[in-house]
Amino acid sequence: MNRIHIIYEYDAIIEKLAEDIKNSDFKVQYFLKLLNLKSSFFYKKIREKRFTSEELKLISKDLYPDEFQDYKEELINKLIEKSRQEIKEGKVSNFEDILQESKIKYGIL
């Protein structure tokens, strides 16, 4: 996915956000508390379509739970694959060595 596509996709998500919130299983009060916003400011954000990416990340977990779960699984799988690749390349550390270094660093010895 290229950056231009992502930008337009983001605009489409913001455009549909008010409707998704309205049609969700959650009351608006839940999102107000989740985002720590007063209702007037929340509705202004909806009207002006001015949610930050961090706010969307918080909201998305509850608005789109299936997609969020898919995203988490995909991310975990990518991290596991990256770890496997690093192991194949020999980019590993001995646990005992790391433990010893940590003890020295934090003065536990």
PDB file of N, CA and C in Angstrom:
ATOM      1  N   MET A   1       0.853  -1.176   0.000  1.00  0.00           N
ATOM      2  CA  MET A   1       0.000   0.000   0.000  1.00  0.00           C
ATOM      3  C   MET A   1       0.900   1.242   0.000  1.00  0.00           C
ATOM      4  N   ASN A   2       0.693   2.124  -0.949  1.00  0.00           N
ATOM      5  CA  ASN A   2       1.534   3.313  -0.981  1.00  0.00           C
ATOM      6  C   ASN A   2       0.972   4.416  -0.079  1.00  0.00           C
ATOM      7  N   ARG A   3       1.753   5.430   0.143  1.00  0.00           N
ATOM      8  CA  ARG A   3       1.400   6.490   1.098  1.00  0.00           C
ATOM      9  C   ARG A   3       0.159   7.269   0.672  1.00  0.00           C
ATOM     10  N   ILE A   4       0.024   7.523  -0.608  1.00  0.00           N
ATOM     11  CA  ILE A   4      -1.139   8.273  -1.098  1.00  0.00           C
ATOM     12  C   ILE A   4      -2.413   7.485  -0.810  1.00  0.00           C
ATOM     13  N   HIS A   5      -2.361   6.190  -1.055  1.00  0.00           N
ATOM     14  CA  HIS A   5      -3.516   5.348  -0.772  1.00  0.00           C
ATOM     15  C   HIS A   5      -3.861   5.395   0.718  1.00  0.00           C
ATOM     16  N   ILE A   6      -2.863   5.353   1.560  1.00  0.00           N
ATOM     17  CA  ILE A   6      -3.080   5.400   3.010  1.00  0.00           C
ATOM     18  C   ILE A   6      -3.750   6.709   3.410  1.00  0.00           C
ATOM     19  N   ILE A   7      -3.299   7.820   2.837  1.00  0.00           N
ATOM     20  CA  ILE A   7      -3.879   9.125   3.159  1.00  0.00           C
ATOM     21  C   ILE A   7      -5.357   9.171   2.785  1.00  0.00           C
ATOM     22  N   TYR A   8      -5.686   8.687   1.602  1.00  0.00           N
ATOM     23  CA  TYR A   8      -7.084   8.702   1.177  1.00  0.00           C
ATOM     24  C   TYR A   8      -7.927   7.712   1.983  1.00  0.00           C
ATOM     25  N   GLU A   9      -7.338   6.615   2.349  1.00  0.00           N
ATOM     26  CA  GLU A   9      -8.036   5.643   3.191  1.00  0.00           C
ATOM     27  C   GLU A   9      -8.318   6.256   4.568  1.00  0.00           C
ATOM     28  N   TYR A  10      -7.353   6.976   5.103  1.00  0.00           N
ATOM     29  CA  TYR A  10      -7.513   7.670   6.389  1.00  0.00           C
ATOM     30  C   TYR A  10      -8.669   8.671   6.300  1.00  0.00           C
ATOM     31  N   ASP A  11      -8.720   9.439   5.209  1.00  0.00           N
ATOM     32  CA  ASP A  11      -9.817  10.387   5.024  1.00  0.00           C
ATOM     33  C   ASP A  11     -11.167   9.678   4.996  1.00  0.00           C
ATOM     34  N   ALA A  12     -11.228   8.547   4.326  1.00  0.00           N
ATOM     35  CA  ALA A  12     -12.477   7.792   4.244  1.00  0.00           C
ATOM     36  C   ALA A  12     -12.901   7.282   5.618  1.00  0.00           C
ATOM     37  N   ILE A  13     -11.939   6.846   6.404  1.00  0.00           N
ATOM     38  CA  ILE A  13     -12.234   6.357   7.756  1.00  0.00           C
ATOM     39  C   ILE A  13     -12.759   7.495   8.625  1.00  0.00           C
ATOM     40  N   ILE A  14     -12.103   8.642   8.568  1.00  0.00           N
ATOM     41  CA  ILE A  14     -12.534   9.810   9.342  1.00  0.00           C
ATOM     42  C   ILE A  14     -13.934  10.240   8.918  1.00  0.00           C
ATOM     43  N   GLU A  15     -14.184  10.199   7.629  1.00  0.00           N
ATOM     44  CA  GLU A  15     -15.492  10.600   7.089  1.00  0.00           C
ATOM     45  C   GLU A  15     -16.605   9.709   7.641  1.00  0.00           C
ATOM     46  N   LYS A  16     -16.323   8.438   7.811  1.00  0.00           N
ATOM     47  CA  LYS A  16     -17.325   7.455   8.242  1.00  0.00           C
ATOM     48  C   LYS A  16     -17.353   7.267   9.771  1.00  0.00           C
ATOM     49  N   LEU A  17     -16.437   7.879  10.472  1.00  0.00           N
ATOM     50  CA  LEU A  17     -16.282   7.639  11.909  1.00  0.00           C
ATOM     51  C   LEU A  17     -17.545   7.957  12.711  1.00  0.00           C
ATOM     52  N   ALA A  18     -18.168   9.080  12.459  1.00  0.00           N
ATOM     53  CA  ALA A  18     -19.367   9.466  13.213  1.00  0.00           C
ATOM     54  C   ALA A  18     -20.460   8.409  13.074  1.00  0.00           C
ATOM     55  N   GLU A  19     -20.628   7.930  11.860  1.00  0.00           N
ATOM     56  CA  GLU A  19     -21.642   6.898  11.607  1.00  0.00           C
ATOM     57  C   GLU A  19     -21.281   5.598  12.323  1.00  0.00           C
ATOM     58  N   ASP A  20     -20.006   5.227  12.290  1.00  0.00           N
ATOM     59  CA  ASP A  20     -19.561   4.004  12.960  1.00  0.00           C
ATOM     60  C   ASP A  20     -19.759   4.094  14.467  1.00  0.00           C
ATOM     61  N   ILE A  21     -19.483   5.247  15.038  1.00  0.00           N
ATOM     62  CA  ILE A  21     -19.702   5.433  16.482  1.00  0.00           C
ATOM     63  C   ILE A  21     -21.179   5.331  16.804  1.00  0.00           C
ATOM     64  N   LYS A  22     -22.004   5.979  15.995  1.00  0.00           N
ATOM     65  CA  LYS A  22     -23.452   5.957  16.199  1.00  0.00           C
ATOM     66  C   LYS A  22     -24.000   4.530  16.118  1.00  0.00           C
ATOM     67  N   ASN A  23     -23.478   3.738  15.197  1.00  0.00           N
ATOM     68  CA  ASN A  23     -23.977   2.382  14.982  1.00  0.00           C
ATOM     69  C   ASN A  23     -23.286   1.330  15.848  1.00  0.00           C
ATOM     70  N   SER A  24     -22.347   1.746  16.679  1.00  0.00           N
ATOM     71  CA  SER A  24     -21.610   0.782  17.499  1.00  0.00           C
ATOM     72  C   SER A  24     -22.447   0.329  18.693  1.00  0.00           C
ATOM     73  N   ASP A  25     -21.951  -0.683  19.380  1.00  0.00           N
ATOM     74  CA  ASP A  25     -22.611  -1.188  20.574  1.00  0.00           C
ATOM     75  C   ASP A  25     -22.341  -0.306  21.790  1.00  0.00           C
ATOM     76  N   PHE A  26     -21.496   0.696  21.626  1.00  0.00           N
ATOM     77  CA  PHE A  26     -21.103   1.551  22.743  1.00  0.00           C
ATOM     78  C   PHE A  26     -21.837   2.885  22.679  1.00  0.00           C
ATOM     79  N   LYS A  27     -22.097   3.429  23.854  1.00  0.00           N
ATOM     80  CA  LYS A  27     -22.683   4.761  23.922  1.00  0.00           C
ATOM     81  C   LYS A  27     -21.578   5.791  23.740  1.00  0.00           C
ATOM     82  N   VAL A  28     -21.964   6.980  23.336  1.00  0.00           N
ATOM     83  CA  VAL A  28     -20.999   8.053  23.127  1.00  0.00           C
ATOM     84  C   VAL A  28     -20.229   8.330  24.414  1.00  0.00           C
ATOM     85  N   GLN A  29     -20.874   8.181  25.549  1.00  0.00           N
ATOM     86  CA  GLN A  29     -20.217   8.418  26.843  1.00  0.00           C
ATOM     87  C   GLN A  29     -18.974   7.547  27.006  1.00  0.00           C
ATOM     88  N   TYR A  30     -19.034   6.343  26.484  1.00  0.00           N
ATOM     89  CA  TYR A  30     -17.891   5.446  26.566  1.00  0.00           C
ATOM     90  C   TYR A  30     -16.689   6.050  25.842  1.00  0.00           C
ATOM     91  N   PHE A  31     -16.920   6.583  24.650  1.00  0.00           N
ATOM     92  CA  PHE A  31     -15.829   7.175  23.871  1.00  0.00           C
ATOM     93  C   PHE A  31     -15.336   8.478  24.492  1.00  0.00           C
ATOM     94  N   LEU A  32     -16.249   9.210  25.109  1.00  0.00           N
ATOM     95  CA  LEU A  32     -15.841  10.428  25.809  1.00  0.00           C
ATOM     96  C   LEU A  32     -14.857  10.086  26.921  1.00  0.00           C
ATOM     97  N   LYS A  33     -15.197   9.058  27.672  1.00  0.00           N
ATOM     98  CA  LYS A  33     -14.320   8.645  28.770  1.00  0.00           C
ATOM     99  C   LYS A  33     -13.020   8.047  28.230  1.00  0.00           C
ATOM    100  N   LEU A  34     -13.125   7.240  27.191  1.00  0.00           N
ATOM    101  CA  LEU A  34     -11.952   6.608  26.597  1.00  0.00           C
ATOM    102  C   LEU A  34     -10.932   7.648  26.118  1.00  0.00           C
ATOM    103  N   LEU A  35     -11.433   8.712  25.506  1.00  0.00           N
ATOM    104  CA  LEU A  35     -10.562   9.752  24.965  1.00  0.00           C
ATOM    105  C   LEU A  35     -10.328  10.900  25.943  1.00  0.00           C
ATOM    106  N   ASN A  36     -11.022  10.838  27.074  1.00  0.00           N
ATOM    107  CA  ASN A  36     -10.905  11.883  28.089  1.00  0.00           C
ATOM    108  C   ASN A  36     -11.246  13.256  27.500  1.00  0.00           C
ATOM    109  N   LEU A  37     -12.411  13.315  26.842  1.00  0.00           N
ATOM    110  CA  LEU A  37     -12.855  14.554  26.204  1.00  0.00           C
ATOM    111  C   LEU A  37     -14.220  14.970  26.746  1.00  0.00           C
ATOM    112  N   LYS A  38     -14.469  16.256  26.752  1.00  0.00           N
ATOM    113  CA  LYS A  38     -15.805  16.768  27.063  1.00  0.00           C
ATOM    114  C   LYS A  38     -16.668  16.568  25.830  1.00  0.00           C
ATOM    115  N   SER A  39     -17.961  16.433  26.040  1.00  0.00           N
ATOM    116  CA  SER A  39     -18.853  16.131  24.915  1.00  0.00           C
ATOM    117  C   SER A  39     -18.806  17.205  23.830  1.00  0.00           C
ATOM    118  N   SER A  40     -18.736  18.466  24.220  1.00  0.00           N
ATOM    119  CA  SER A  40     -18.712  19.528  23.208  1.00  0.00           C
ATOM    120  C   SER A  40     -17.465  19.421  22.328  1.00  0.00           C
ATOM    121  N   PHE A  41     -16.335  19.112  22.941  1.00  0.00           N
ATOM    122  CA  PHE A  41     -15.096  18.977  22.183  1.00  0.00           C
ATOM    123  C   PHE A  41     -15.128  17.730  21.301  1.00  0.00           C
ATOM    124  N   PHE A  42     -15.710  16.654  21.825  1.00  0.00           N
ATOM    125  CA  PHE A  42     -15.838  15.414  21.066  1.00  0.00           C
ATOM    126  C   PHE A  42     -16.681  15.639  19.807  1.00  0.00           C
ATOM    127  N   TYR A  43     -17.832  16.291  19.977  1.00  0.00           N
ATOM    128  CA  TYR A  43     -18.703  16.531  18.834  1.00  0.00           C
ATOM    129  C   TYR A  43     -18.071  17.511  17.843  1.00  0.00           C
ATOM    130  N   LYS A  44     -17.290  18.445  18.346  1.00  0.00           N
ATOM    131  CA  LYS A  44     -16.568  19.355  17.459  1.00  0.00           C
ATOM    132  C   LYS A  44     -15.557  18.573  16.618  1.00  0.00           C
ATOM    133  N   LYS A  45     -14.863  17.616  17.256  1.00  0.00           N
ATOM    134  CA  LYS A  45     -13.907  16.780  16.526  1.00  0.00           C
ATOM    135  C   LYS A  45     -14.621  15.973  15.438  1.00  0.00           C
ATOM    136  N   ILE A  46     -15.787  15.458  15.763  1.00  0.00           N
ATOM    137  CA  ILE A  46     -16.563  14.699  14.772  1.00  0.00           C
ATOM    138  C   ILE A  46     -16.986  15.610  13.629  1.00  0.00           C
ATOM    139  N   ARG A  47     -17.521  16.756  13.974  1.00  0.00           N
ATOM    140  CA  ARG A  47     -17.999  17.707  12.956  1.00  0.00           C
ATOM    141  C   ARG A  47     -16.867  18.160  12.030  1.00  0.00           C
ATOM    142  N   GLU A  48     -15.712  18.447  12.633  1.00  0.00           N
ATOM    143  CA  GLU A  48     -14.580  18.946  11.850  1.00  0.00           C
ATOM    144  C   GLU A  48     -13.664  17.835  11.339  1.00  0.00           C
ATOM    145  N   LYS A  49     -13.985  16.602  11.729  1.00  0.00           N
ATOM    146  CA  LYS A  49     -13.191  15.430  11.310  1.00  0.00           C
ATOM    147  C   LYS A  49     -11.727  15.634  11.665  1.00  0.00           C
ATOM    148  N   ARG A  50     -11.477  15.879  12.966  1.00  0.00           N
ATOM    149  CA  ARG A  50     -10.136  16.253  13.419  1.00  0.00           C
ATOM    150  C   ARG A  50      -9.606  15.333  14.511  1.00  0.00           C
ATOM    151  N   PHE A  51      -9.819  14.050  14.371  1.00  0.00           N
ATOM    152  CA  PHE A  51      -9.270  13.107  15.334  1.00  0.00           C
ATOM    153  C   PHE A  51      -7.813  12.840  14.998  1.00  0.00           C
ATOM    154  N   THR A  52      -7.001  12.721  16.035  1.00  0.00           N
ATOM    155  CA  THR A  52      -5.598  12.388  15.823  1.00  0.00           C
ATOM    156  C   THR A  52      -5.476  10.889  15.553  1.00  0.00           C
ATOM    157  N   SER A  53      -4.336  10.496  15.055  1.00  0.00           N
ATOM    158  CA  SER A  53      -4.129   9.066  14.811  1.00  0.00           C
ATOM    159  C   SER A  53      -4.143   8.294  16.129  1.00  0.00           C
ATOM    160  N   GLU A  54      -3.629   8.894  17.198  1.00  0.00           N
ATOM    161  CA  GLU A  54      -3.640   8.219  18.504  1.00  0.00           C
ATOM    162  C   GLU A  54      -5.072   8.017  19.000  1.00  0.00           C
ATOM    163  N   GLU A  55      -5.923   9.012  18.796  1.00  0.00           N
ATOM    164  CA  GLU A  55      -7.328   8.874  19.192  1.00  0.00           C
ATOM    165  C   GLU A  55      -8.006   7.785  18.372  1.00  0.00           C
ATOM    166  N   LEU A  56      -7.705   7.737  17.095  1.00  0.00           N
ATOM    167  CA  LEU A  56      -8.286   6.686  16.253  1.00  0.00           C
ATOM    168  C   LEU A  56      -7.823   5.305  16.679  1.00  0.00           C
ATOM    169  N   LYS A  57      -6.573   5.195  17.093  1.00  0.00           N
ATOM    170  CA  LYS A  57      -6.076   3.902  17.572  1.00  0.00           C
ATOM    171  C   LYS A  57      -6.857   3.448  18.796  1.00  0.00           C
ATOM    172  N   LEU A  58      -7.130   4.363  19.705  1.00  0.00           N
ATOM    173  CA  LEU A  58      -7.902   4.019  20.904  1.00  0.00           C
ATOM    174  C   LEU A  58      -9.328   3.609  20.546  1.00  0.00           C
ATOM    175  N   ILE A  59      -9.959   4.387  19.690  1.00  0.00           N
ATOM    176  CA  ILE A  59     -11.344   4.125  19.298  1.00  0.00           C
ATOM    177  C   ILE A  59     -11.462   2.828  18.500  1.00  0.00           C
ATOM    178  N   SER A  60     -10.503   2.583  17.635  1.00  0.00           N
ATOM    179  CA  SER A  60     -10.599   1.457  16.701  1.00  0.00           C
ATOM    180  C   SER A  60     -10.660   0.103  17.393  1.00  0.00           C
ATOM    181  N   LYS A  61     -10.041  -0.006  18.549  1.00  0.00           N
ATOM    182  CA  LYS A  61     -10.055  -1.290  19.261  1.00  0.00           C
ATOM    183  C   LYS A  61     -11.482  -1.729  19.569  1.00  0.00           C
ATOM    184  N   ASP A  62     -12.342  -0.744  19.865  1.00  0.00           N
ATOM    185  CA  ASP A  62     -13.723  -1.066  20.224  1.00  0.00           C
ATOM    186  C   ASP A  62     -14.686  -0.968  19.045  1.00  0.00           C
ATOM    187  N   LEU A  63     -14.410  -0.056  18.125  1.00  0.00           N
ATOM    188  CA  LEU A  63     -15.295   0.094  16.970  1.00  0.00           C
ATOM    189  C   LEU A  63     -15.144  -1.048  15.969  1.00  0.00           C
ATOM    190  N   TYR A  64     -13.924  -1.520  15.827  1.00  0.00           N
ATOM    191  CA  TYR A  64     -13.636  -2.556  14.825  1.00  0.00           C
ATOM    192  C   TYR A  64     -12.878  -3.713  15.481  1.00  0.00           C
ATOM    193  N   PRO A  65     -13.507  -4.417  16.412  1.00  0.00           N
ATOM    194  CA  PRO A  65     -12.778  -5.448  17.178  1.00  0.00           C
ATOM    195  C   PRO A  65     -12.230  -6.583  16.327  1.00  0.00           C
ATOM    196  N   ASP A  66     -12.967  -7.016  15.322  1.00  0.00           N
ATOM    197  CA  ASP A  66     -12.483  -8.114  14.478  1.00  0.00           C
ATOM    198  C   ASP A  66     -11.259  -7.690  13.674  1.00  0.00           C
ATOM    199  N   GLU A  67     -11.325  -6.494  13.108  1.00  0.00           N
ATOM    200  CA  GLU A  67     -10.189  -5.989  12.342  1.00  0.00           C
ATOM    201  C   GLU A  67      -8.991  -5.738  13.239  1.00  0.00           C
ATOM    202  N   PHE A  68      -9.255  -5.284  14.467  1.00  0.00           N
ATOM    203  CA  PHE A  68      -8.162  -5.051  15.413  1.00  0.00           C
ATOM    204  C   PHE A  68      -7.489  -6.374  15.781  1.00  0.00           C
ATOM    205  N   GLN A  69      -8.277  -7.409  15.990  1.00  0.00           N
ATOM    206  CA  GLN A  69      -7.729  -8.726  16.306  1.00  0.00           C
ATOM    207  C   GLN A  69      -6.897  -9.250  15.144  1.00  0.00           C
ATOM    208  N   ASP A  70      -7.402  -9.080  13.926  1.00  0.00           N
ATOM    209  CA  ASP A  70      -6.646  -9.497  12.742  1.00  0.00           C
ATOM    210  C   ASP A  70      -5.320  -8.749  12.650  1.00  0.00           C
ATOM    211  N   TYR A  71      -5.360  -7.452  12.933  1.00  0.00           N
ATOM    212  CA  TYR A  71      -4.145  -6.632  12.896  1.00  0.00           C
ATOM    213  C   TYR A  71      -3.131  -7.128  13.919  1.00  0.00           C
ATOM    214  N   LYS A  72      -3.593  -7.398  15.140  1.00  0.00           N
ATOM    215  CA  LYS A  72      -2.684  -7.891  16.182  1.00  0.00           C
ATOM    216  C   LYS A  72      -2.049  -9.215  15.784  1.00  0.00           C
ATOM    217  N   GLU A  73      -2.851 -10.119  15.249  1.00  0.00           N
ATOM    218  CA  GLU A  73      -2.327 -11.423  14.833  1.00  0.00           C
ATOM    219  C   GLU A  73      -1.316 -11.275  13.706  1.00  0.00           C
ATOM    220  N   GLU A  74      -1.611 -10.399  12.753  1.00  0.00           N
ATOM    221  CA  GLU A  74      -0.691 -10.158  11.643  1.00  0.00           C
ATOM    222  C   GLU A  74       0.624  -9.567  12.151  1.00  0.00           C
ATOM    223  N   LEU A  75       0.534  -8.627  13.067  1.00  0.00           N
ATOM    224  CA  LEU A  75       1.726  -8.001  13.641  1.00  0.00           C
ATOM    225  C   LEU A  75       2.567  -9.019  14.406  1.00  0.00           C
ATOM    226  N   ILE A  76       1.916  -9.838  15.206  1.00  0.00           N
ATOM    227  CA  ILE A  76       2.633 -10.870  15.968  1.00  0.00           C
ATOM    228  C   ILE A  76       3.315 -11.847  15.022  1.00  0.00           C
ATOM    229  N   ASN A  77       2.613 -12.250  13.970  1.00  0.00           N
ATOM    230  CA  ASN A  77       3.205 -13.179  12.999  1.00  0.00           C
ATOM    231  C   ASN A  77       4.421 -12.571  12.315  1.00  0.00           C
ATOM    232  N   LYS A  78       4.357 -11.279  11.987  1.00  0.00           N
ATOM    233  CA  LYS A  78       5.506 -10.610  11.375  1.00  0.00           C
ATOM    234  C   LYS A  78       6.686 -10.568  12.335  1.00  0.00           C
ATOM    235  N   LEU A  79       6.411 -10.298  13.608  1.00  0.00           N
ATOM    236  CA  LEU A  79       7.491 -10.248  14.598  1.00  0.00           C
ATOM    237  C   LEU A  79       8.115 -11.625  14.814  1.00  0.00           C
ATOM    238  N   ILE A  80       7.282 -12.645  14.823  1.00  0.00           N
ATOM    239  CA  ILE A  80       7.793 -14.017  14.967  1.00  0.00           C
ATOM    240  C   ILE A  80       8.665 -14.373  13.773  1.00  0.00           C
ATOM    241  N   GLU A  81       8.204 -14.027  12.585  1.00  0.00           N
ATOM    242  CA  GLU A  81       8.983 -14.319  11.376  1.00  0.00           C
ATOM    243  C   GLU A  81      10.308 -13.557  11.386  1.00  0.00           C
ATOM    244  N   LYS A  82      10.284 -12.321  11.827  1.00  0.00           N
ATOM    245  CA  LYS A  82      11.513 -11.529  11.926  1.00  0.00           C
ATOM    246  C   LYS A  82      12.476 -12.177  12.920  1.00  0.00           C
ATOM    247  N   SER A  83      11.949 -12.636  14.036  1.00  0.00           N
ATOM    248  CA  SER A  83      12.785 -13.306  15.042  1.00  0.00           C
ATOM    249  C   SER A  83      13.396 -14.586  14.487  1.00  0.00           C
ATOM    250  N   ARG A  84      12.605 -15.350  13.763  1.00  0.00           N
ATOM    251  CA  ARG A  84      13.131 -16.582  13.157  1.00  0.00           C
ATOM    252  C   ARG A  84      14.255 -16.273  12.174  1.00  0.00           C
ATOM    253  N   GLN A  85      14.068 -15.208  11.398  1.00  0.00           N
ATOM    254  CA  GLN A  85      15.095 -14.805  10.435  1.00  0.00           C
ATOM    255  C   GLN A  85      16.371 -14.392  11.158  1.00  0.00           C
ATOM    256  N   GLU A  86      16.234 -13.651  12.243  1.00  0.00           N
ATOM    257  CA  GLU A  86      17.405 -13.231  13.014  1.00  0.00           C
ATOM    258  C   GLU A  86      18.128 -14.433  13.626  1.00  0.00           C
ATOM    259  N   ILE A  87      17.385 -15.430  14.042  1.00  0.00           N
ATOM    260  CA  ILE A  87      17.995 -16.651  14.579  1.00  0.00           C
ATOM    261  C   ILE A  87      18.793 -17.350  13.475  1.00  0.00           C
ATOM    262  N   LYS A  88      18.202 -17.444  12.280  1.00  0.00           N
ATOM    263  CA  LYS A  88      18.896 -18.068  11.155  1.00  0.00           C
ATOM    264  C   LYS A  88      20.189 -17.329  10.814  1.00  0.00           C
ATOM    265  N   GLU A  89      20.164 -16.003  10.972  1.00  0.00           N
ATOM    266  CA  GLU A  89      21.327 -15.186  10.658  1.00  0.00           C
ATOM    267  C   GLU A  89      22.339 -15.155  11.805  1.00  0.00           C
ATOM    268  N   GLY A  90      22.006 -15.843  12.889  1.00  0.00           N
ATOM    269  CA  GLY A  90      22.929 -15.908  14.017  1.00  0.00           C
ATOM    270  C   GLY A  90      22.895 -14.687  14.926  1.00  0.00           C
ATOM    271  N   LYS A  91      21.884 -13.880  14.801  1.00  0.00           N
ATOM    272  CA  LYS A  91      21.744 -12.686  15.637  1.00  0.00           C
ATOM    273  C   LYS A  91      21.029 -13.053  16.941  1.00  0.00           C
ATOM    274  N   VAL A  92      21.699 -13.861  17.729  1.00  0.00           N
ATOM    275  CA  VAL A  92      21.113 -14.313  18.986  1.00  0.00           C
ATOM    276  C   VAL A  92      22.061 -13.990  20.136  1.00  0.00           C
ATOM    277  N   SER A  93      21.512 -13.945  21.326  1.00  0.00           N
ATOM    278  CA  SER A  93      22.315 -13.698  22.525  1.00  0.00           C
ATOM    279  C   SER A  93      22.025 -14.791  23.538  1.00  0.00           C
ATOM    280  N   ASN A  94      23.028 -15.146  24.275  1.00  0.00           N
ATOM    281  CA  ASN A  94      22.895 -16.134  25.327  1.00  0.00           C
ATOM    282  C   ASN A  94      22.177 -15.478  26.506  1.00  0.00           C
ATOM    283  N   PHE A  95      21.143 -16.136  27.009  1.00  0.00           N
ATOM    284  CA  PHE A  95      20.362 -15.586  28.117  1.00  0.00           C
ATOM    285  C   PHE A  95      21.223 -15.326  29.338  1.00  0.00           C
ATOM    286  N   GLU A  96      22.110 -16.240  29.658  1.00  0.00           N
ATOM    287  CA  GLU A  96      22.968 -16.084  30.839  1.00  0.00           C
ATOM    288  C   GLU A  96      23.855 -14.845  30.717  1.00  0.00           C
ATOM    289  N   ASP A  97      24.374 -14.593  29.513  1.00  0.00           N
ATOM    290  CA  ASP A  97      25.202 -13.399  29.293  1.00  0.00           C
ATOM    291  C   ASP A  97      24.385 -12.125  29.488  1.00  0.00           C
ATOM    292  N   ILE A  98      23.187 -12.101  28.933  1.00  0.00           N
ATOM    293  CA  ILE A  98      22.307 -10.932  29.075  1.00  0.00           C
ATOM    294  C   ILE A  98      21.955 -10.711  30.537  1.00  0.00           C
ATOM    295  N   LEU A  99      21.641 -11.790  31.239  1.00  0.00           N
ATOM    296  CA  LEU A  99      21.299 -11.698  32.657  1.00  0.00           C
ATOM    297  C   LEU A  99      22.477 -11.132  33.454  1.00  0.00           C
ATOM    298  N   GLN A 100      23.660 -11.622  33.187  1.00  0.00           N
ATOM    299  CA  GLN A 100      24.860 -11.150  33.882  1.00  0.00           C
ATOM    300  C   GLN A 100      25.100  -9.663  33.607  1.00  0.00           C
ATOM    301  N   GLU A 101      24.980  -9.262  32.340  1.00  0.00           N
ATOM    302  CA  GLU A 101      25.161  -7.854  31.976  1.00  0.00           C
ATOM    303  C   GLU A 101      24.133  -6.968  32.676  1.00  0.00           C
ATOM    304  N   SER A 102      22.896  -7.430  32.768  1.00  0.00           N
ATOM    305  CA  SER A 102      21.856  -6.664  33.436  1.00  0.00           C
ATOM    306  C   SER A 102      22.124  -6.513  34.926  1.00  0.00           C
ATOM    307  N   LYS A 103      22.592  -7.587  35.538  1.00  0.00           N
ATOM    308  CA  LYS A 103      22.918  -7.524  36.964  1.00  0.00           C
ATOM    309  C   LYS A 103      24.016  -6.519  37.227  1.00  0.00           C
ATOM    310  N   ILE A 104      25.033  -6.516  36.378  1.00  0.00           N
ATOM    311  CA  ILE A 104      26.130  -5.561  36.520  1.00  0.00           C
ATOM    312  C   ILE A 104      25.626  -4.139  36.288  1.00  0.00           C
ATOM    313  N   LYS A 105      24.854  -3.953  35.246  1.00  0.00           N
ATOM    314  CA  LYS A 105      24.362  -2.632  34.886  1.00  0.00           C
ATOM    315  C   LYS A 105      23.510  -2.024  35.998  1.00  0.00           C
ATOM    316  N   TYR A 106      22.683  -2.840  36.638  1.00  0.00           N
ATOM    317  CA  TYR A 106      21.766  -2.321  37.658  1.00  0.00           C
ATOM    318  C   TYR A 106      22.249  -2.578  39.084  1.00  0.00           C
ATOM    319  N   GLY A 107      23.503  -3.015  39.212  1.00  0.00           N
ATOM    320  CA  GLY A 107      24.108  -3.176  40.525  1.00  0.00           C
ATOM    321  C   GLY A 107      23.444  -4.224  41.401  1.00  0.00           C
ATOM    322  N   ILE A 108      23.028  -5.297  40.821  1.00  0.00           N
ATOM    323  CA  ILE A 108      22.352  -6.358  41.572  1.00  0.00           C
ATOM    324  C   ILE A 108      23.354  -7.353  42.147  1.00  0.00           C
ATOM    325  N   LEU A 109      24.521  -7.411  41.592  1.00  0.00           N
ATOM    326  CA  LEU A 109      25.531  -8.381  42.083  1.00  0.00           C
ATOM    327  C   LEU A 109      26.055  -8.022  43.423  1.00  0.00           C
TER     328      LEU A 109
END
